Amino acid sequence: MPQPTTTTAGAPEPSATEVYALGRDPAESARLRRQSAELRPDSAALLDRVGLGPGHSAIDIGCGPSGILELLAERASPGGRVVGLDADPVHVAMARQFVTGRQLPGVEIVAADARATGLPSGSFDLVHARTVLVTVPEPAVVVAEMVRLARPGGWIAGLEPDAEYSLCYPAHPAWTRISEIFNAAFGRNGADLLIGRRLTELYGAAGLEDIGVEARAGVYRASDSRRTIRPDLVRSMRPTILDMGLIGERELDELDRAVREHLDDPRTLVMPHLTFLTWGRKPAAAQP
């Protein structure tokens, strides 16, 4: 894994795992595993936009325990190459176990920082990242690295949330309070909960063309785990929330119970955020 770079003052920059806005524990890993299944239809729709097919090469940046590795392998086979990349050694190990267990052909897992992967330029027909840019303080750095990795004429594609517009109806004080805590804790390192709307801007600034975007608003049933994504993320950030003094431990437990009780009611309508699917093409090499 690449070593951390240093700041102008000589102090090392935070590692990729240190700037990750969410927690690093088994519960967060389990949530990411669930997310692979939950977001599969959206990710499949995104891949439809870029036409990934047999023999193509693709990389899933920040793949976590599973990411969209299975989807990429299905589309790139036969003869294709898929790389999953993550900075967290626990998730790297889990991803390798996932690939082995599913017997995914042509899939390799690499431990590296999404901001500076160390992989050769122009290596992939598709460079993909899902819910990665929302967790880092300087998303443009990751986008620039994604563009570098794409071959001329290749695609960059991403799926990111935008949390300004959420809905919990009927309204409940516990939802309002947990949302306030979530926003404060998530943004502590500079991560942007409104990143979804900024994707086209970031792609354009990175020199991409043929940029497309689609926004989706998911409303989830009581049996769907996406319904509790906000309190689940607060659980992942619990140590940080307590360290920041945003709420006491007992009050946080009571808040978690109250919001989940409200969300368990099938009459409660929940839309946790908007989701933006975005894609763009790296300009083809100039003809001689």
Protein backbone atom coordinates (compact mmCIF):
# COMPACT_ATOMS: atom_id res chain seq x y z
CA MET A 1 0.00 0.00 0.00
CA PRO A 2 1.36 3.47 -0.83
CA GLN A 3 2.80 5.37 2.12
CA PRO A 4 1.01 8.52 3.30
CA THR A 5 2.18 11.72 1.66
CA THR A 6 3.30 14.67 3.79
CA THR A 7 1.92 18.14 4.16
CA THR A 8 3.94 21.30 3.58
CA ALA A 9 4.53 21.46 7.32
CA GLY A 10 6.13 18.02 7.20
CA ALA A 11 3.37 16.18 9.10
CA PRO A 12 1.95 13.08 7.40
CA GLU A 13 -1.44 13.45 5.79
CA PRO A 14 -4.20 11.27 7.25
CA SER A 15 -4.38 7.80 5.75
CA ALA A 16 -7.34 6.72 3.65
CA THR A 17 -8.86 4.83 6.57
CA GLU A 18 -8.40 7.83 8.89
CA VAL A 19 -10.34 10.21 6.63
CA TYR A 20 -13.16 7.72 6.01
CA ALA A 21 -16.23 9.40 7.45
CA LEU A 22 -17.80 6.24 8.87
CA GLY A 23 -16.71 3.77 11.49
CA ARG A 24 -14.38 0.80 11.20
CA ASP A 25 -16.02 -2.10 12.98
CA PRO A 26 -17.86 -5.35 12.17
CA ALA A 27 -21.22 -3.55 12.09
CA GLU A 28 -20.01 -1.17 9.39
CA SER A 29 -18.55 -4.05 7.38
CA ALA A 30 -21.88 -5.88 7.64
CA ARG A 31 -23.73 -2.76 6.49
CA LEU A 32 -21.47 -2.49 3.45
CA ARG A 33 -22.18 -6.13 2.63
CA ARG A 34 -25.92 -5.45 2.79
CA GLN A 35 -25.45 -2.37 0.66
CA SER A 36 -24.06 -4.47 -2.19
CA ALA A 37 -27.38 -6.26 -2.47
CA GLU A 38 -29.54 -3.23 -1.71
CA LEU A 39 -27.97 -1.03 -4.38
CA ARG A 40 -27.53 -3.76 -6.98
CA PRO A 41 -30.44 -2.54 -9.19
CA ASP A 42 -29.09 1.03 -9.23
CA SER A 43 -25.56 -0.19 -9.93
CA ALA A 44 -26.78 -2.44 -12.73
CA ALA A 45 -28.60 0.52 -14.28
CA LEU A 46 -25.40 2.57 -14.08
CA LEU A 47 -23.42 -0.16 -15.85
CA ASP A 48 -26.08 -0.22 -18.57
CA ARG A 49 -25.21 3.42 -19.30
CA VAL A 50 -21.55 2.66 -20.01
CA GLY A 51 -21.91 -0.60 -21.91
CA LEU A 52 -19.43 -2.74 -19.99
CA GLY A 53 -19.16 -6.09 -21.80
CA PRO A 54 -17.18 -9.29 -22.32
CA GLY A 55 -13.44 -8.80 -22.50
CA HIS A 56 -13.51 -5.35 -20.93
CA SER A 57 -11.44 -4.27 -17.92
CA ALA A 58 -12.96 -2.54 -14.89
CA ILE A 59 -11.96 -1.42 -11.41
CA ASP A 60 -14.21 -0.88 -8.39
CA ILE A 61 -12.61 1.88 -6.29
CA GLY A 62 -13.34 1.52 -2.58
CA CYS A 63 -14.98 -1.86 -3.08
CA GLY A 64 -15.21 -2.65 0.63
CA PRO A 65 -16.14 -6.27 1.46
CA SER A 66 -17.87 -6.88 -1.91
CA GLY A 67 -18.82 -3.68 -3.74
CA ILE A 68 -20.05 -4.39 -7.28
CA LEU A 69 -17.39 -7.02 -7.97
CA GLU A 70 -19.97 -9.68 -8.84
CA LEU A 71 -21.79 -7.37 -11.25
CA LEU A 72 -18.53 -6.39 -12.95
CA ALA A 73 -17.39 -10.00 -13.25
CA GLU A 74 -20.71 -11.03 -14.77
CA ARG A 75 -20.53 -8.29 -17.39
CA ALA A 76 -16.82 -8.53 -18.23
CA SER A 77 -16.82 -12.32 -18.63
CA PRO A 78 -15.58 -14.11 -20.56
CA GLY A 79 -12.09 -12.75 -21.00
CA GLY A 80 -12.44 -9.60 -18.93
CA ARG A 81 -10.42 -8.26 -16.01
CA VAL A 82 -11.85 -6.85 -12.79
CA VAL A 83 -9.94 -5.20 -9.95
CA GLY A 84 -11.39 -4.39 -6.55
CA LEU A 85 -9.45 -1.76 -4.61
CA ASP A 86 -9.74 -0.78 -0.96
CA ALA A 87 -7.47 0.78 1.66
CA ASP A 88 -8.86 -1.08 4.68
CA PRO A 89 -6.96 -4.35 5.20
CA VAL A 90 -10.00 -5.93 6.84
CA HIS A 91 -12.15 -5.19 3.81
CA VAL A 92 -9.40 -6.32 1.45
CA ALA A 93 -9.38 -9.69 3.20
CA MET A 94 -13.18 -9.89 3.15
CA ALA A 95 -13.29 -9.00 -0.54
CA ARG A 96 -10.78 -11.73 -1.34
CA GLN A 97 -12.90 -14.23 0.58
CA PHE A 98 -15.97 -13.00 -1.30
CA VAL A 99 -14.28 -13.47 -4.69
CA THR A 100 -13.08 -16.95 -3.74
CA GLY A 101 -16.44 -17.97 -2.31
CA ARG A 102 -18.36 -16.80 -5.37
CA GLN A 103 -15.69 -18.16 -7.74
CA LEU A 104 -15.67 -14.90 -9.67
CA PRO A 105 -13.53 -15.20 -12.81
CA GLY A 106 -10.77 -12.70 -13.58
CA VAL A 107 -11.15 -10.72 -10.34
CA GLU A 108 -8.19 -9.40 -8.35
CA ILE A 109 -8.27 -7.49 -5.05
CA VAL A 110 -5.68 -4.76 -4.45
CA ALA A 111 -4.87 -2.90 -1.22
CA ALA A 112 -4.30 0.77 -2.05
CA ASP A 113 -5.42 4.34 -1.37
CA ALA A 114 -8.08 5.60 -3.80
CA ARG A 115 -6.31 8.98 -3.85
CA ALA A 116 -3.07 7.47 -5.18
CA THR A 117 -3.53 3.87 -6.25
CA GLY A 118 -0.08 3.31 -7.76
CA LEU A 119 -1.69 1.41 -10.66
CA PRO A 120 -0.65 2.13 -14.27
CA SER A 121 -2.41 4.94 -16.13
CA GLY A 122 -4.92 4.08 -18.84
CA SER A 123 -5.51 0.55 -17.53
CA PHE A 124 -9.31 0.25 -17.52
CA ASP A 125 -12.32 0.53 -19.80
CA LEU A 126 -14.39 1.45 -16.73
CA VAL A 127 -13.38 3.06 -13.44
CA HIS A 128 -16.21 2.90 -10.91
CA ALA A 129 -16.77 4.21 -7.38
CA ARG A 130 -19.94 3.85 -5.31
CA THR A 131 -20.63 5.86 -2.12
CA VAL A 132 -16.91 6.60 -1.91
CA LEU A 133 -16.69 10.31 -2.72
CA VAL A 134 -19.28 11.10 -0.05
CA THR A 135 -16.92 9.78 2.63
CA VAL A 136 -13.73 11.73 1.80
CA PRO A 137 -12.84 15.42 2.33
CA GLU A 138 -11.26 16.02 -1.11
CA PRO A 139 -13.33 14.09 -3.66
CA ALA A 140 -11.73 15.87 -6.64
CA VAL A 141 -8.45 14.10 -5.81
CA VAL A 142 -10.15 10.71 -6.09
CA VAL A 143 -11.92 11.70 -9.33
CA ALA A 144 -8.59 12.81 -10.84
CA GLU A 145 -7.08 9.43 -9.96
CA MET A 146 -10.09 7.66 -11.49
CA VAL A 147 -9.63 9.60 -14.73
CA ARG A 148 -5.93 8.76 -14.78
CA LEU A 149 -6.71 5.06 -14.50
CA ALA A 150 -9.20 5.09 -17.39
CA ARG A 151 -7.97 4.43 -20.91
CA PRO A 152 -8.62 7.15 -23.50
CA GLY A 153 -12.25 6.75 -24.49
CA GLY A 154 -13.00 4.80 -21.32
CA TRP A 155 -15.72 5.54 -18.80
CA ILE A 156 -15.86 6.91 -15.25
CA ALA A 157 -19.06 6.03 -13.38
CA GLY A 158 -20.27 6.64 -9.86
CA LEU A 159 -23.24 6.46 -7.55
CA GLU A 160 -23.41 8.88 -4.63
CA PRO A 161 -26.07 10.12 -2.20
CA ASP A 162 -27.32 13.64 -1.63
CA ALA A 163 -28.77 13.95 1.85
CA GLU A 164 -30.32 17.43 1.80
CA TYR A 165 -33.67 16.04 0.73
CA SER A 166 -34.88 13.30 3.06
CA LEU A 167 -38.32 12.37 4.29
CA CYS A 168 -39.73 10.73 7.37
CA TYR A 169 -43.52 11.01 7.53
CA PRO A 170 -45.18 11.36 9.94
CA ALA A 171 -42.48 13.56 11.42
CA HIS A 172 -40.89 12.40 14.67
CA PRO A 173 -38.56 14.24 17.09
CA ALA A 174 -36.22 11.23 17.22
CA TRP A 175 -35.71 11.34 13.43
CA THR A 176 -35.04 15.08 13.55
CA ARG A 177 -32.52 14.71 16.39
CA ILE A 178 -30.68 11.73 14.91
CA SER A 179 -30.45 13.55 11.58
CA GLU A 180 -28.83 16.54 13.29
CA ILE A 181 -26.29 14.26 14.98
CA PHE A 182 -25.64 12.38 11.75
CA ASN A 183 -24.96 15.57 9.79
CA ALA A 184 -22.59 16.95 12.42
CA ALA A 185 -20.59 13.74 12.86
CA PHE A 186 -20.43 12.77 9.20
CA GLY A 187 -19.03 16.12 8.13
CA ARG A 188 -16.38 16.35 10.85
CA ASN A 189 -13.52 15.59 8.41
CA GLY A 190 -14.89 17.67 5.56
CA ALA A 191 -16.98 14.95 3.88
CA ASP A 192 -19.86 16.40 1.84
CA LEU A 193 -23.34 14.94 2.28
CA LEU A 194 -24.46 16.90 -0.81
CA ILE A 195 -21.87 15.24 -3.06
CA GLY A 196 -24.49 13.68 -5.34
CA ARG A 197 -25.41 16.97 -7.01
CA ARG A 198 -21.73 17.85 -7.44
CA LEU A 199 -20.73 14.78 -9.45
CA THR A 200 -21.33 16.31 -12.87
CA GLU A 201 -19.33 19.38 -11.82
CA LEU A 202 -16.46 17.22 -10.57
CA TYR A 203 -16.51 15.12 -13.73
CA GLY A 204 -16.50 18.19 -15.94
CA ALA A 205 -13.63 19.80 -14.03
CA ALA A 206 -11.65 16.57 -14.47
CA GLY A 207 -11.99 16.86 -18.25
CA LEU A 208 -14.65 14.22 -18.91
CA GLU A 209 -17.11 14.47 -21.79
CA ASP A 210 -20.48 12.88 -22.66
CA ILE A 211 -21.47 13.33 -19.00
CA GLY A 212 -24.84 11.94 -17.98
CA VAL A 213 -26.75 11.93 -14.72
CA GLU A 214 -29.87 10.38 -13.23
CA ALA A 215 -31.37 11.06 -9.81
CA ARG A 216 -33.40 8.48 -7.93
CA ALA A 217 -35.52 8.79 -4.80
CA GLY A 218 -35.89 5.49 -2.98
CA VAL A 219 -38.84 5.02 -0.62
CA TYR A 220 -38.30 1.86 1.38
CA ARG A 221 -40.71 -0.60 3.00
CA ALA A 222 -40.56 -1.57 6.66
CA SER A 223 -38.78 -4.82 5.77
CA ASP A 224 -35.99 -3.08 3.81
CA SER A 225 -32.74 -2.35 5.66
CA ARG A 226 -32.20 0.81 3.56
CA ARG A 227 -35.06 2.23 5.60
CA THR A 228 -32.80 2.45 8.66
CA ILE A 229 -29.66 3.63 6.86
CA ARG A 230 -29.48 6.86 8.86
CA PRO A 231 -29.66 5.32 12.36
CA ASP A 232 -27.40 2.50 11.12
CA LEU A 233 -24.75 5.04 10.09
CA VAL A 234 -25.10 6.78 13.44
CA ARG A 235 -24.38 3.44 15.10
CA SER A 236 -21.25 3.11 12.94
CA MET A 237 -20.10 6.55 14.05
CA ARG A 238 -21.02 6.04 17.71
CA PRO A 239 -17.47 6.38 19.13
CA THR A 240 -16.93 9.60 17.19
CA ILE A 241 -20.32 11.00 18.20
CA LEU A 242 -19.59 10.39 21.87
CA ASP A 243 -16.06 11.80 21.57
CA MET A 244 -17.48 14.95 19.95
CA GLY A 245 -19.88 15.38 22.87
CA LEU A 246 -22.90 15.64 20.57
CA ILE A 247 -25.02 13.49 22.88
CA GLY A 248 -24.62 11.33 25.96
CA GLU A 249 -24.37 7.55 25.74
CA ARG A 250 -27.67 6.82 27.49
CA GLU A 251 -29.52 9.46 25.46
CA LEU A 252 -28.06 8.06 22.25
CA ASP A 253 -29.33 4.59 23.15
CA GLU A 254 -32.79 5.98 23.87
CA LEU A 255 -32.76 7.96 20.64
CA ASP A 256 -31.77 4.88 18.64
CA ARG A 257 -34.62 2.91 20.19
CA ALA A 258 -37.19 5.64 19.54
CA VAL A 259 -36.27 6.24 15.91
CA ARG A 260 -36.21 2.53 15.09
CA GLU A 261 -39.58 2.03 16.76
CA HIS A 262 -40.99 4.78 14.53
CA LEU A 263 -39.36 3.34 11.39
CA ASP A 264 -40.63 -0.14 12.23
CA ASP A 265 -44.19 1.14 11.77
CA PRO A 266 -45.17 0.22 8.19
CA ARG A 267 -47.30 3.38 8.03
CA THR A 268 -44.17 5.55 8.32
CA LEU A 269 -42.89 6.77 4.95
CA VAL A 270 -39.09 6.91 4.65
CA MET A 271 -36.88 8.37 1.93
CA PRO A 272 -33.40 8.69 3.48
CA HIS A 273 -31.74 10.60 0.62
CA LEU A 274 -31.56 11.11 -3.13
CA THR A 275 -29.17 8.95 -5.13
CA PHE A 276 -27.29 10.33 -8.15
CA LEU A 277 -26.03 7.99 -10.88
CA THR A 278 -23.38 9.76 -12.97
CA TRP A 279 -21.14 8.74 -15.84
CA GLY A 280 -18.66 10.42 -18.19
CA ARG A 281 -16.15 9.47 -20.87
CA LYS A 282 -12.44 10.22 -20.86
CA PRO A 283 -11.55 11.99 -24.13
CA ALA A 284 -10.10 9.67 -26.75
CA ALA A 285 -6.45 10.08 -27.65
CA ALA A 286 -5.83 12.63 -30.41
CA GLN A 287 -5.34 11.10 -33.85
CA PRO A 288 -1.82 11.50 -35.33
